[in-house]
Amino acid sequence: MAVTIVGSISIATAGQAEVRTVAIAALGCNLAWGLVDAVIYLVRTATERSRYRVLGRRIRGEDAATAHRLIARALPEQLAAIAGPETIEDLRKRLVAKPPSNRALLRPRDFLEAAAIFALVVLATLPVVVPFALTDSVALALLASQIVTVVMLFVLGVALGRYAGHPRPIQSGIVMAVFGALLIAVVKALGG
C-alpha cells in the first residue's frame, strides 16, 4: 500500500493532478483495501472452520484405516512426517469422542480481528502520507515519503525475520527494505 501511495504521488508530480488530491485518493484506496483485507480474513476463517467441520464428520463416519488417512492428509507436512500410527489413532479417538460443533462459523472475536486488520492497513499508510501534509515542497515530501516507506519495510522485515525464527532478523529487514526500494524504482519506471 505504501508503494502504491508513493507511485500515485509520483504521478501527481508530473502535473497530472494536485498532489494532495492524489494523496487523499491513495488513502481512500487504502481504506477500500483495508475493507477488502478484513472481509477476506472473515471468508478465510469461515471457510477453514467449515472445512474442518466437514472433515470431522467424514472422519467420524469412516472406518479407522480411512480415518487415519484423512487425518494424516489434514496434518501439516512437518507434523504428518513425525506422527506415528499411535498418535493418529489417538487423534481419531479424541475426535470421535468430541461432539460436533454447532457454534457459528464466525464469532465476535473474528470480527474484532477483522477490524484490527482494517485498522492496520489504514494506519500503515498514514506515515507515508504525512510528509505531504508537513511541507509544500512536493519533491521533498516525495523523498521523505519514500524514505518512510523503506524504513517501514525494514522494520517489518526485522519483525518478520524474528517471527520466522531467522537467526539474523536484521538481514531480513535489509532484504525487505532493498526489495521495497526496488519496487519503488519499478513503479516509477512504469510511470507510477
N, C-alpha and C. Protein backbone atom coordinates (compact mmCIF):
# COMPACT_ATOMS: atom_id res chain seq x y z
N MET A 1 0.83 -1.18 0.00
CA MET A 1 0.00 0.00 0.00
C MET A 1 0.88 1.25 0.00
N ALA A 2 1.95 1.20 0.77
CA ALA A 2 2.84 2.37 0.82
C ALA A 2 3.46 2.63 -0.54
N VAL A 3 3.85 1.58 -1.23
CA VAL A 3 4.43 1.75 -2.58
C VAL A 3 3.38 2.31 -3.53
N THR A 4 2.12 1.92 -3.37
CA THR A 4 1.04 2.46 -4.20
C THR A 4 0.92 3.96 -3.99
N ILE A 5 0.97 4.39 -2.74
CA ILE A 5 0.86 5.82 -2.46
C ILE A 5 2.04 6.57 -3.07
N VAL A 6 3.25 6.04 -2.86
CA VAL A 6 4.43 6.70 -3.42
C VAL A 6 4.32 6.78 -4.94
N GLY A 7 3.84 5.71 -5.57
CA GLY A 7 3.65 5.72 -7.02
C GLY A 7 2.60 6.71 -7.45
N SER A 8 1.50 6.80 -6.70
CA SER A 8 0.43 7.75 -7.02
C SER A 8 0.92 9.18 -6.91
N ILE A 9 1.68 9.45 -5.89
CA ILE A 9 2.22 10.80 -5.70
C ILE A 9 3.20 11.13 -6.81
N SER A 10 3.96 10.13 -7.25
CA SER A 10 4.90 10.35 -8.34
C SER A 10 4.17 10.78 -9.60
N ILE A 11 2.99 10.20 -9.84
CA ILE A 11 2.18 10.61 -10.99
C ILE A 11 1.77 12.07 -10.85
N ALA A 12 1.39 12.45 -9.63
CA ALA A 12 0.93 13.82 -9.39
C ALA A 12 2.04 14.84 -9.64
N THR A 13 3.28 14.47 -9.39
CA THR A 13 4.37 15.42 -9.59
C THR A 13 4.62 15.67 -11.07
N ALA A 14 4.06 14.83 -11.92
CA ALA A 14 4.22 15.04 -13.36
C ALA A 14 3.21 16.05 -13.87
N GLY A 15 2.42 16.64 -12.96
CA GLY A 15 1.48 17.68 -13.35
C GLY A 15 0.12 17.16 -13.75
N GLN A 16 -0.17 15.89 -13.53
CA GLN A 16 -1.44 15.33 -13.94
C GLN A 16 -2.55 15.56 -12.92
N ALA A 17 -2.21 15.93 -11.72
CA ALA A 17 -3.22 16.14 -10.68
C ALA A 17 -2.59 16.86 -9.51
N GLU A 18 -3.42 17.38 -8.63
CA GLU A 18 -2.93 18.00 -7.41
C GLU A 18 -2.37 16.93 -6.50
N VAL A 19 -1.22 17.21 -5.90
CA VAL A 19 -0.57 16.22 -5.04
C VAL A 19 -1.46 15.84 -3.87
N ARG A 20 -2.05 16.80 -3.21
CA ARG A 20 -2.90 16.48 -2.05
C ARG A 20 -4.12 15.66 -2.48
N THR A 21 -4.66 15.95 -3.64
CA THR A 21 -5.81 15.19 -4.13
C THR A 21 -5.42 13.73 -4.36
N VAL A 22 -4.24 13.54 -4.94
CA VAL A 22 -3.77 12.18 -5.19
C VAL A 22 -3.48 11.47 -3.86
N ALA A 23 -2.91 12.20 -2.90
CA ALA A 23 -2.64 11.59 -1.59
C ALA A 23 -3.94 11.16 -0.92
N ILE A 24 -4.96 12.00 -1.00
CA ILE A 24 -6.25 11.65 -0.41
C ILE A 24 -6.87 10.47 -1.16
N ALA A 25 -6.75 10.47 -2.47
CA ALA A 25 -7.28 9.35 -3.26
C ALA A 25 -6.55 8.05 -2.92
N ALA A 26 -5.25 8.13 -2.75
CA ALA A 26 -4.47 6.94 -2.38
C ALA A 26 -4.88 6.44 -1.00
N LEU A 27 -5.12 7.36 -0.08
CA LEU A 27 -5.58 6.97 1.24
C LEU A 27 -6.97 6.33 1.15
N GLY A 28 -7.84 6.89 0.30
CA GLY A 28 -9.16 6.28 0.08
C GLY A 28 -9.03 4.87 -0.48
N CYS A 29 -8.09 4.68 -1.38
CA CYS A 29 -7.83 3.36 -1.94
C CYS A 29 -7.42 2.39 -0.84
N ASN A 30 -6.61 2.88 0.09
CA ASN A 30 -6.17 2.03 1.19
C ASN A 30 -7.30 1.73 2.16
N LEU A 31 -8.24 2.65 2.31
CA LEU A 31 -9.44 2.36 3.10
C LEU A 31 -10.20 1.19 2.46
N ALA A 32 -10.32 1.26 1.14
CA ALA A 32 -11.01 0.19 0.42
C ALA A 32 -10.27 -1.13 0.57
N TRP A 33 -8.94 -1.11 0.42
CA TRP A 33 -8.17 -2.35 0.55
C TRP A 33 -8.19 -2.87 1.98
N GLY A 34 -8.24 -1.97 2.95
CA GLY A 34 -8.38 -2.41 4.34
C GLY A 34 -9.67 -3.16 4.53
N LEU A 35 -10.75 -2.66 3.92
CA LEU A 35 -12.04 -3.34 4.00
C LEU A 35 -11.97 -4.69 3.30
N VAL A 36 -11.37 -4.73 2.13
CA VAL A 36 -11.24 -5.99 1.38
C VAL A 36 -10.43 -7.00 2.21
N ASP A 37 -9.31 -6.58 2.78
CA ASP A 37 -8.49 -7.49 3.58
C ASP A 37 -9.27 -8.02 4.78
N ALA A 38 -10.06 -7.16 5.42
CA ALA A 38 -10.85 -7.59 6.58
C ALA A 38 -11.91 -8.61 6.17
N VAL A 39 -12.58 -8.35 5.05
CA VAL A 39 -13.61 -9.29 4.58
C VAL A 39 -12.98 -10.61 4.15
N ILE A 40 -11.86 -10.56 3.47
CA ILE A 40 -11.18 -11.79 3.05
C ILE A 40 -10.74 -12.60 4.28
N TYR A 41 -10.31 -11.93 5.33
CA TYR A 41 -9.95 -12.61 6.57
C TYR A 41 -11.17 -13.38 7.11
N LEU A 42 -12.33 -12.73 7.11
CA LEU A 42 -13.54 -13.39 7.60
C LEU A 42 -13.92 -14.58 6.71
N VAL A 43 -13.80 -14.41 5.40
CA VAL A 43 -14.12 -15.50 4.48
C VAL A 43 -13.17 -16.68 4.70
N ARG A 44 -11.89 -16.39 4.84
CA ARG A 44 -10.90 -17.45 5.07
C ARG A 44 -11.17 -18.17 6.39
N THR A 45 -11.49 -17.42 7.43
CA THR A 45 -11.76 -18.02 8.74
C THR A 45 -12.98 -18.93 8.67
N ALA A 46 -14.07 -18.44 8.08
CA ALA A 46 -15.30 -19.24 7.97
C ALA A 46 -15.06 -20.48 7.11
N THR A 47 -14.32 -20.33 6.01
CA THR A 47 -14.04 -21.45 5.12
C THR A 47 -13.21 -22.52 5.83
N GLU A 48 -12.20 -22.09 6.56
CA GLU A 48 -11.34 -23.04 7.27
C GLU A 48 -12.13 -23.81 8.33
N ARG A 49 -12.95 -23.10 9.08
CA ARG A 49 -13.76 -23.78 10.10
C ARG A 49 -14.76 -24.74 9.47
N SER A 50 -15.37 -24.33 8.39
CA SER A 50 -16.32 -25.20 7.70
C SER A 50 -15.61 -26.45 7.18
N ARG A 51 -14.45 -26.26 6.61
CA ARG A 51 -13.67 -27.39 6.08
C ARG A 51 -13.34 -28.40 7.18
N TYR A 52 -12.94 -27.91 8.36
CA TYR A 52 -12.61 -28.82 9.45
C TYR A 52 -13.85 -29.51 10.02
N ARG A 53 -14.98 -28.83 9.99
CA ARG A 53 -16.23 -29.48 10.43
C ARG A 53 -16.59 -30.63 9.50
N VAL A 54 -16.49 -30.38 8.20
CA VAL A 54 -16.79 -31.42 7.22
C VAL A 54 -15.80 -32.58 7.38
N LEU A 55 -14.53 -32.26 7.57
CA LEU A 55 -13.52 -33.29 7.77
C LEU A 55 -13.84 -34.11 9.02
N GLY A 56 -14.25 -33.44 10.09
CA GLY A 56 -14.61 -34.15 11.33
C GLY A 56 -15.77 -35.10 11.12
N ARG A 57 -16.79 -34.65 10.37
CA ARG A 57 -17.93 -35.53 10.08
C ARG A 57 -17.49 -36.74 9.26
N ARG A 58 -16.62 -36.49 8.28
CA ARG A 58 -16.14 -37.60 7.45
C ARG A 58 -15.36 -38.61 8.29
N ILE A 59 -14.49 -38.11 9.16
CA ILE A 59 -13.67 -39.00 10.00
C ILE A 59 -14.56 -39.82 10.93
N ARG A 60 -15.58 -39.17 11.50
CA ARG A 60 -16.49 -39.90 12.39
C ARG A 60 -17.26 -41.00 11.65
N GLY A 61 -17.50 -40.81 10.37
CA GLY A 61 -18.29 -41.77 9.60
C GLY A 61 -17.50 -42.84 8.89
N GLU A 62 -16.18 -42.80 8.99
CA GLU A 62 -15.35 -43.76 8.26
C GLU A 62 -14.77 -44.82 9.20
N ASP A 63 -14.29 -45.90 8.59
CA ASP A 63 -13.58 -46.91 9.37
C ASP A 63 -12.23 -46.32 9.80
N ALA A 64 -11.57 -46.99 10.74
CA ALA A 64 -10.33 -46.47 11.33
C ALA A 64 -9.24 -46.23 10.29
N ALA A 65 -9.06 -47.15 9.35
CA ALA A 65 -7.98 -47.00 8.36
C ALA A 65 -8.20 -45.78 7.47
N THR A 66 -9.45 -45.59 7.02
CA THR A 66 -9.75 -44.43 6.17
C THR A 66 -9.62 -43.15 6.98
N ALA A 67 -10.10 -43.18 8.23
CA ALA A 67 -9.98 -42.01 9.10
C ALA A 67 -8.52 -41.64 9.32
N HIS A 68 -7.66 -42.65 9.48
CA HIS A 68 -6.22 -42.38 9.66
C HIS A 68 -5.65 -41.65 8.46
N ARG A 69 -6.04 -42.09 7.26
CA ARG A 69 -5.54 -41.43 6.03
C ARG A 69 -6.04 -39.98 5.97
N LEU A 70 -7.31 -39.77 6.31
CA LEU A 70 -7.86 -38.40 6.28
C LEU A 70 -7.14 -37.50 7.28
N ILE A 71 -6.88 -38.01 8.46
CA ILE A 71 -6.17 -37.22 9.48
C ILE A 71 -4.75 -36.92 9.02
N ALA A 72 -4.07 -37.94 8.52
CA ALA A 72 -2.67 -37.74 8.08
C ALA A 72 -2.60 -36.70 6.96
N ARG A 73 -3.57 -36.72 6.04
CA ARG A 73 -3.59 -35.73 4.94
C ARG A 73 -3.89 -34.32 5.45
N ALA A 74 -4.65 -34.23 6.53
CA ALA A 74 -5.04 -32.92 7.06
C ALA A 74 -3.93 -32.27 7.89
N LEU A 75 -3.00 -33.07 8.38
CA LEU A 75 -1.92 -32.53 9.20
C LEU A 75 -0.93 -31.74 8.35
N PRO A 76 -0.34 -30.69 8.92
CA PRO A 76 0.75 -30.01 8.21
C PRO A 76 1.87 -31.00 7.91
N GLU A 77 2.56 -30.79 6.82
CA GLU A 77 3.58 -31.72 6.33
C GLU A 77 4.60 -32.11 7.41
N GLN A 78 5.06 -31.12 8.19
CA GLN A 78 6.07 -31.40 9.21
C GLN A 78 5.52 -32.31 10.31
N LEU A 79 4.24 -32.12 10.68
CA LEU A 79 3.64 -32.96 11.71
C LEU A 79 3.29 -34.34 11.18
N ALA A 80 2.81 -34.40 9.95
CA ALA A 80 2.47 -35.70 9.36
C ALA A 80 3.70 -36.59 9.27
N ALA A 81 4.87 -35.99 9.04
CA ALA A 81 6.10 -36.76 8.90
C ALA A 81 6.52 -37.41 10.22
N ILE A 82 6.14 -36.83 11.34
CA ILE A 82 6.57 -37.38 12.63
C ILE A 82 5.44 -38.06 13.41
N ALA A 83 4.21 -37.91 12.95
CA ALA A 83 3.08 -38.53 13.65
C ALA A 83 3.00 -40.00 13.28
N GLY A 84 3.16 -40.83 14.27
CA GLY A 84 3.07 -42.26 14.03
C GLY A 84 1.62 -42.74 14.11
N PRO A 85 1.40 -44.00 13.84
CA PRO A 85 0.04 -44.57 13.87
C PRO A 85 -0.65 -44.38 15.23
N GLU A 86 0.12 -44.45 16.31
CA GLU A 86 -0.48 -44.29 17.64
C GLU A 86 -1.01 -42.87 17.82
N THR A 87 -0.24 -41.90 17.38
CA THR A 87 -0.65 -40.50 17.50
C THR A 87 -1.91 -40.25 16.68
N ILE A 88 -1.92 -40.75 15.46
CA ILE A 88 -3.08 -40.54 14.58
C ILE A 88 -4.31 -41.25 15.14
N GLU A 89 -4.13 -42.45 15.69
CA GLU A 89 -5.26 -43.16 16.30
C GLU A 89 -5.77 -42.39 17.52
N ASP A 90 -4.85 -41.84 18.29
CA ASP A 90 -5.27 -41.04 19.45
C ASP A 90 -6.08 -39.82 18.99
N LEU A 91 -5.63 -39.17 17.93
CA LEU A 91 -6.38 -38.03 17.38
C LEU A 91 -7.76 -38.47 16.91
N ARG A 92 -7.84 -39.62 16.24
CA ARG A 92 -9.13 -40.12 15.76
C ARG A 92 -10.07 -40.40 16.93
N LYS A 93 -9.57 -41.05 17.96
CA LYS A 93 -10.40 -41.37 19.13
C LYS A 93 -10.92 -40.09 19.80
N ARG A 94 -10.04 -39.11 19.93
CA ARG A 94 -10.46 -37.85 20.56
C ARG A 94 -11.52 -37.15 19.71
N LEU A 95 -11.33 -37.18 18.41
CA LEU A 95 -12.30 -36.54 17.51
C LEU A 95 -13.65 -37.24 17.56
N VAL A 96 -13.63 -38.56 17.55
CA VAL A 96 -14.88 -39.32 17.61
C VAL A 96 -15.60 -39.06 18.94
N ALA A 97 -14.85 -38.95 20.03
CA ALA A 97 -15.44 -38.73 21.35
C ALA A 97 -15.99 -37.32 21.53
N LYS A 98 -15.48 -36.39 20.76
CA LYS A 98 -15.91 -34.99 20.90
C LYS A 98 -17.17 -34.76 20.06
N PRO A 99 -18.19 -34.15 20.64
CA PRO A 99 -19.40 -33.89 19.85
C PRO A 99 -19.13 -32.84 18.77
N PRO A 100 -19.81 -32.95 17.63
CA PRO A 100 -19.63 -31.95 16.56
C PRO A 100 -20.01 -30.55 17.06
N SER A 101 -19.33 -29.56 16.57
CA SER A 101 -19.58 -28.18 16.98
C SER A 101 -20.81 -27.63 16.27
N ASN A 102 -21.61 -26.92 17.05
CA ASN A 102 -22.78 -26.23 16.49
C ASN A 102 -22.59 -24.72 16.56
N ARG A 103 -21.41 -24.29 16.94
CA ARG A 103 -21.13 -22.86 17.05
C ARG A 103 -21.15 -22.21 15.67
N ALA A 104 -21.40 -20.93 15.67
CA ALA A 104 -21.36 -20.16 14.42
C ALA A 104 -19.96 -20.22 13.84
N LEU A 105 -19.88 -20.17 12.52
CA LEU A 105 -18.57 -20.19 11.87
C LEU A 105 -17.77 -18.95 12.21
N LEU A 106 -18.45 -17.82 12.33
CA LEU A 106 -17.78 -16.57 12.68
C LEU A 106 -18.24 -16.15 14.07
N ARG A 107 -17.26 -15.78 14.89
CA ARG A 107 -17.52 -15.41 16.29
C ARG A 107 -17.15 -13.95 16.51
N PRO A 108 -17.59 -13.36 17.60
CA PRO A 108 -17.29 -11.94 17.85
C PRO A 108 -15.79 -11.61 17.75
N ARG A 109 -14.94 -12.50 18.25
CA ARG A 109 -13.50 -12.24 18.17
C ARG A 109 -13.02 -12.14 16.72
N ASP A 110 -13.62 -12.92 15.82
CA ASP A 110 -13.23 -12.86 14.41
C ASP A 110 -13.51 -11.47 13.82
N PHE A 111 -14.64 -10.89 14.20
CA PHE A 111 -14.97 -9.55 13.71
C PHE A 111 -14.04 -8.50 14.31
N LEU A 112 -13.65 -8.70 15.55
CA LEU A 112 -12.69 -7.80 16.19
C LEU A 112 -11.33 -7.89 15.47
N GLU A 113 -10.92 -9.10 15.15
CA GLU A 113 -9.65 -9.29 14.42
C GLU A 113 -9.73 -8.69 13.02
N ALA A 114 -10.88 -8.82 12.36
CA ALA A 114 -11.06 -8.22 11.04
C ALA A 114 -10.96 -6.69 11.14
N ALA A 115 -11.55 -6.13 12.19
CA ALA A 115 -11.46 -4.67 12.39
C ALA A 115 -10.01 -4.26 12.64
N ALA A 116 -9.26 -5.08 13.35
CA ALA A 116 -7.84 -4.78 13.59
C ALA A 116 -7.05 -4.83 12.28
N ILE A 117 -7.37 -5.78 11.41
CA ILE A 117 -6.71 -5.86 10.10
C ILE A 117 -7.01 -4.59 9.30
N PHE A 118 -8.28 -4.19 9.28
CA PHE A 118 -8.66 -2.96 8.59
C PHE A 118 -7.85 -1.78 9.12
N ALA A 119 -7.82 -1.63 10.45
CA ALA A 119 -7.10 -0.51 11.06
C ALA A 119 -5.61 -0.57 10.74
N LEU A 120 -5.03 -1.75 10.76
CA LEU A 120 -3.60 -1.89 10.47
C LEU A 120 -3.28 -1.46 9.05
N VAL A 121 -4.09 -1.88 8.10
CA VAL A 121 -3.86 -1.50 6.70
C VAL A 121 -3.96 0.02 6.54
N VAL A 122 -4.98 0.61 7.14
CA VAL A 122 -5.18 2.06 7.00
C VAL A 122 -4.10 2.83 7.75
N LEU A 123 -3.82 2.44 8.99
CA LEU A 123 -2.83 3.17 9.78
C LEU A 123 -1.42 3.05 9.21
N ALA A 124 -1.14 1.94 8.56
CA ALA A 124 0.19 1.76 7.97
C ALA A 124 0.45 2.74 6.84
N THR A 125 -0.61 3.28 6.25
CA THR A 125 -0.42 4.22 5.13
C THR A 125 -0.22 5.66 5.62
N LEU A 126 -0.66 5.95 6.83
CA LEU A 126 -0.58 7.33 7.30
C LEU A 126 0.84 7.89 7.34
N PRO A 127 1.83 7.16 7.85
CA PRO A 127 3.19 7.73 7.86
C PRO A 127 3.71 8.10 6.47
N VAL A 128 3.21 7.41 5.44
CA VAL A 128 3.65 7.67 4.08
C VAL A 128 3.02 8.96 3.54
N VAL A 129 1.82 9.29 4.01
CA VAL A 129 1.10 10.48 3.53
C VAL A 129 1.48 11.73 4.33
N VAL A 130 1.88 11.55 5.59
CA VAL A 130 2.17 12.69 6.48
C VAL A 130 3.15 13.69 5.88
N PRO A 131 4.24 13.27 5.22
CA PRO A 131 5.17 14.28 4.68
C PRO A 131 4.50 15.29 3.73
N PHE A 132 3.44 14.88 3.04
CA PHE A 132 2.76 15.79 2.12
C PHE A 132 1.92 16.82 2.86
N ALA A 133 1.58 16.53 4.10
CA ALA A 133 0.84 17.48 4.92
C ALA A 133 1.78 18.44 5.64
N LEU A 134 3.05 18.08 5.73
CA LEU A 134 4.00 18.88 6.50
C LEU A 134 4.79 19.88 5.67
N THR A 135 4.81 19.72 4.36
CA THR A 135 5.60 20.63 3.52
C THR A 135 4.87 20.88 2.20
N ASP A 136 5.14 22.05 1.63
CA ASP A 136 4.59 22.37 0.31
C ASP A 136 5.51 21.93 -0.82
N SER A 137 6.72 21.52 -0.45
CA SER A 137 7.67 21.05 -1.46
C SER A 137 7.35 19.61 -1.82
N VAL A 138 6.82 19.44 -3.04
CA VAL A 138 6.42 18.10 -3.49
C VAL A 138 7.64 17.18 -3.56
N ALA A 139 8.77 17.67 -4.05
CA ALA A 139 9.96 16.84 -4.19
C ALA A 139 10.46 16.38 -2.82
N LEU A 140 10.48 17.29 -1.85
CA LEU A 140 10.93 16.94 -0.50
C LEU A 140 9.95 15.95 0.14
N ALA A 141 8.66 16.21 0.00
CA ALA A 141 7.65 15.32 0.57
C ALA A 141 7.73 13.93 -0.06
N LEU A 142 7.93 13.88 -1.37
CA LEU A 142 8.03 12.59 -2.06
C LEU A 142 9.26 11.82 -1.57
N LEU A 143 10.39 12.51 -1.45
CA LEU A 143 11.61 11.86 -0.94
C LEU A 143 11.38 11.34 0.48
N ALA A 144 10.80 12.18 1.34
CA ALA A 144 10.53 11.78 2.72
C ALA A 144 9.58 10.58 2.76
N SER A 145 8.57 10.60 1.91
CA SER A 145 7.61 9.52 1.85
C SER A 145 8.28 8.21 1.42
N GLN A 146 9.19 8.30 0.45
CA GLN A 146 9.91 7.11 0.00
C GLN A 146 10.81 6.57 1.10
N ILE A 147 11.47 7.47 1.82
CA ILE A 147 12.34 7.05 2.93
C ILE A 147 11.52 6.38 4.02
N VAL A 148 10.38 6.98 4.36
CA VAL A 148 9.50 6.40 5.38
C VAL A 148 9.05 5.01 4.94
N THR A 149 8.71 4.86 3.67
CA THR A 149 8.28 3.56 3.15
C THR A 149 9.37 2.51 3.32
N VAL A 150 10.59 2.85 2.95
CA VAL A 150 11.70 1.90 3.05
C VAL A 150 12.01 1.57 4.51
N VAL A 151 11.94 2.58 5.39
CA VAL A 151 12.18 2.32 6.82
C VAL A 151 11.09 1.41 7.39
N MET A 152 9.85 1.66 7.01
CA MET A 152 8.75 0.80 7.47
C MET A 152 8.95 -0.64 6.98
N LEU A 153 9.40 -0.80 5.75
CA LEU A 153 9.65 -2.14 5.22
C LEU A 153 10.80 -2.82 5.96
N PHE A 154 11.82 -2.04 6.34
CA PHE A 154 12.93 -2.60 7.13
C PHE A 154 12.41 -3.12 8.47
N VAL A 155 11.62 -2.30 9.16
CA VAL A 155 11.07 -2.69 10.46
C VAL A 155 10.19 -3.93 10.31
N LEU A 156 9.36 -3.94 9.28
CA LEU A 156 8.52 -5.10 9.01
C LEU A 156 9.37 -6.34 8.73
N GLY A 157 10.43 -6.17 7.97
CA GLY A 157 11.32 -7.29 7.65
C GLY A 157 11.99 -7.86 8.89
N VAL A 158 12.41 -6.99 9.81
CA VAL A 158 13.01 -7.46 11.06
C VAL A 158 11.97 -8.24 11.86
N ALA A 159 10.76 -7.70 11.97
CA ALA A 159 9.69 -8.40 12.71
C ALA A 159 9.36 -9.73 12.05
N LEU A 160 9.31 -9.76 10.73
CA LEU A 160 9.03 -11.00 10.01
C LEU A 160 10.16 -12.01 10.23
N GLY A 161 11.39 -11.54 10.20
CA GLY A 161 12.53 -12.41 10.44
C GLY A 161 12.49 -13.02 11.84
N ARG A 162 12.13 -12.21 12.83
CA ARG A 162 12.01 -12.72 14.20
C ARG A 162 10.89 -13.76 14.29
N TYR A 163 9.76 -13.44 13.67
CA TYR A 163 8.62 -14.36 13.71
C TYR A 163 8.98 -15.70 13.06
N ALA A 164 9.72 -15.64 11.96
CA ALA A 164 10.10 -16.85 11.24
C ALA A 164 11.26 -17.59 11.92
N GLY A 165 11.84 -17.00 12.96
CA GLY A 165 12.95 -17.64 13.65
C GLY A 165 14.27 -17.51 12.93
N HIS A 166 14.38 -16.50 12.05
CA HIS A 166 15.62 -16.28 11.31
C HIS A 166 16.72 -15.94 12.32
N PRO A 167 17.91 -16.54 12.17
CA PRO A 167 18.99 -16.28 13.14
C PRO A 167 19.48 -14.82 13.12
N ARG A 168 19.30 -14.14 12.00
CA ARG A 168 19.71 -12.73 11.89
C ARG A 168 18.55 -11.93 11.31
N PRO A 169 17.59 -11.53 12.15
CA PRO A 169 16.41 -10.83 11.64
C PRO A 169 16.72 -9.48 10.98
N ILE A 170 17.85 -8.88 11.34
CA ILE A 170 18.22 -7.61 10.70
C ILE A 170 18.49 -7.83 9.22
N GLN A 171 19.03 -8.98 8.87
CA GLN A 171 19.23 -9.29 7.45
C GLN A 171 17.89 -9.36 6.72
N SER A 172 16.89 -9.92 7.38
CA SER A 172 15.55 -9.96 6.78
C SER A 172 15.04 -8.54 6.56
N GLY A 173 15.30 -7.67 7.53
CA GLY A 173 14.90 -6.27 7.38
C GLY A 173 15.59 -5.59 6.22
N ILE A 174 16.87 -5.85 6.07
CA ILE A 174 17.63 -5.25 4.97
C ILE A 174 17.10 -5.76 3.63
N VAL A 175 16.85 -7.07 3.54
CA VAL A 175 16.32 -7.64 2.30
C VAL A 175 14.97 -7.00 1.96
N MET A 176 14.09 -6.87 2.97
CA MET A 176 12.77 -6.29 2.74
C MET A 176 12.90 -4.82 2.31
N ALA A 177 13.81 -4.07 2.92
CA ALA A 177 14.00 -2.66 2.56
C ALA A 177 14.54 -2.54 1.14
N VAL A 178 15.51 -3.37 0.79
CA VAL A 178 16.07 -3.33 -0.58
C VAL A 178 14.99 -3.72 -1.59
N PHE A 179 14.22 -4.75 -1.26
CA PHE A 179 13.12 -5.16 -2.13
C PHE A 179 12.12 -4.02 -2.30
N GLY A 180 11.81 -3.31 -1.22
CA GLY A 180 10.90 -2.17 -1.29
C GLY A 180 11.45 -1.05 -2.16
N ALA A 181 12.74 -0.76 -2.00
CA ALA A 181 13.36 0.28 -2.83
C ALA A 181 13.32 -0.11 -4.31
N LEU A 182 13.55 -1.39 -4.58
CA LEU A 182 13.47 -1.86 -5.98
C LEU A 182 12.03 -1.74 -6.50
N LEU A 183 11.05 -2.06 -5.67
CA LEU A 183 9.65 -1.93 -6.08
C LEU A 183 9.31 -0.47 -6.40
N ILE A 184 9.77 0.43 -5.55
CA ILE A 184 9.52 1.86 -5.79
C ILE A 184 10.14 2.26 -7.13
N ALA A 185 11.38 1.80 -7.38
CA ALA A 185 12.04 2.12 -8.65
C ALA A 185 11.25 1.56 -9.84
N VAL A 186 10.75 0.34 -9.72
CA VAL A 186 9.98 -0.27 -10.80
C VAL A 186 8.68 0.49 -11.02
N VAL A 187 7.99 0.82 -9.93
CA VAL A 187 6.74 1.57 -10.03
C VAL A 187 6.99 2.91 -10.75
N LYS A 188 8.07 3.60 -10.37
CA LYS A 188 8.39 4.88 -11.03
C LYS A 188 8.72 4.67 -12.52
N ALA A 189 9.49 3.61 -12.80
CA ALA A 189 9.86 3.34 -14.20
C ALA A 189 8.65 3.01 -15.06
N LEU A 190 7.62 2.44 -14.44
CA LEU A 190 6.40 2.09 -15.17
C LEU A 190 5.42 3.25 -15.25
N GLY A 191 5.87 4.41 -14.77
CA GLY A 191 5.03 5.60 -14.87
C GLY A 191 4.25 5.92 -13.63
N GLY A 192 4.45 5.14 -12.55
CA GLY A 192 3.73 5.38 -11.30
C GLY A 192 4.51 6.25 -10.38
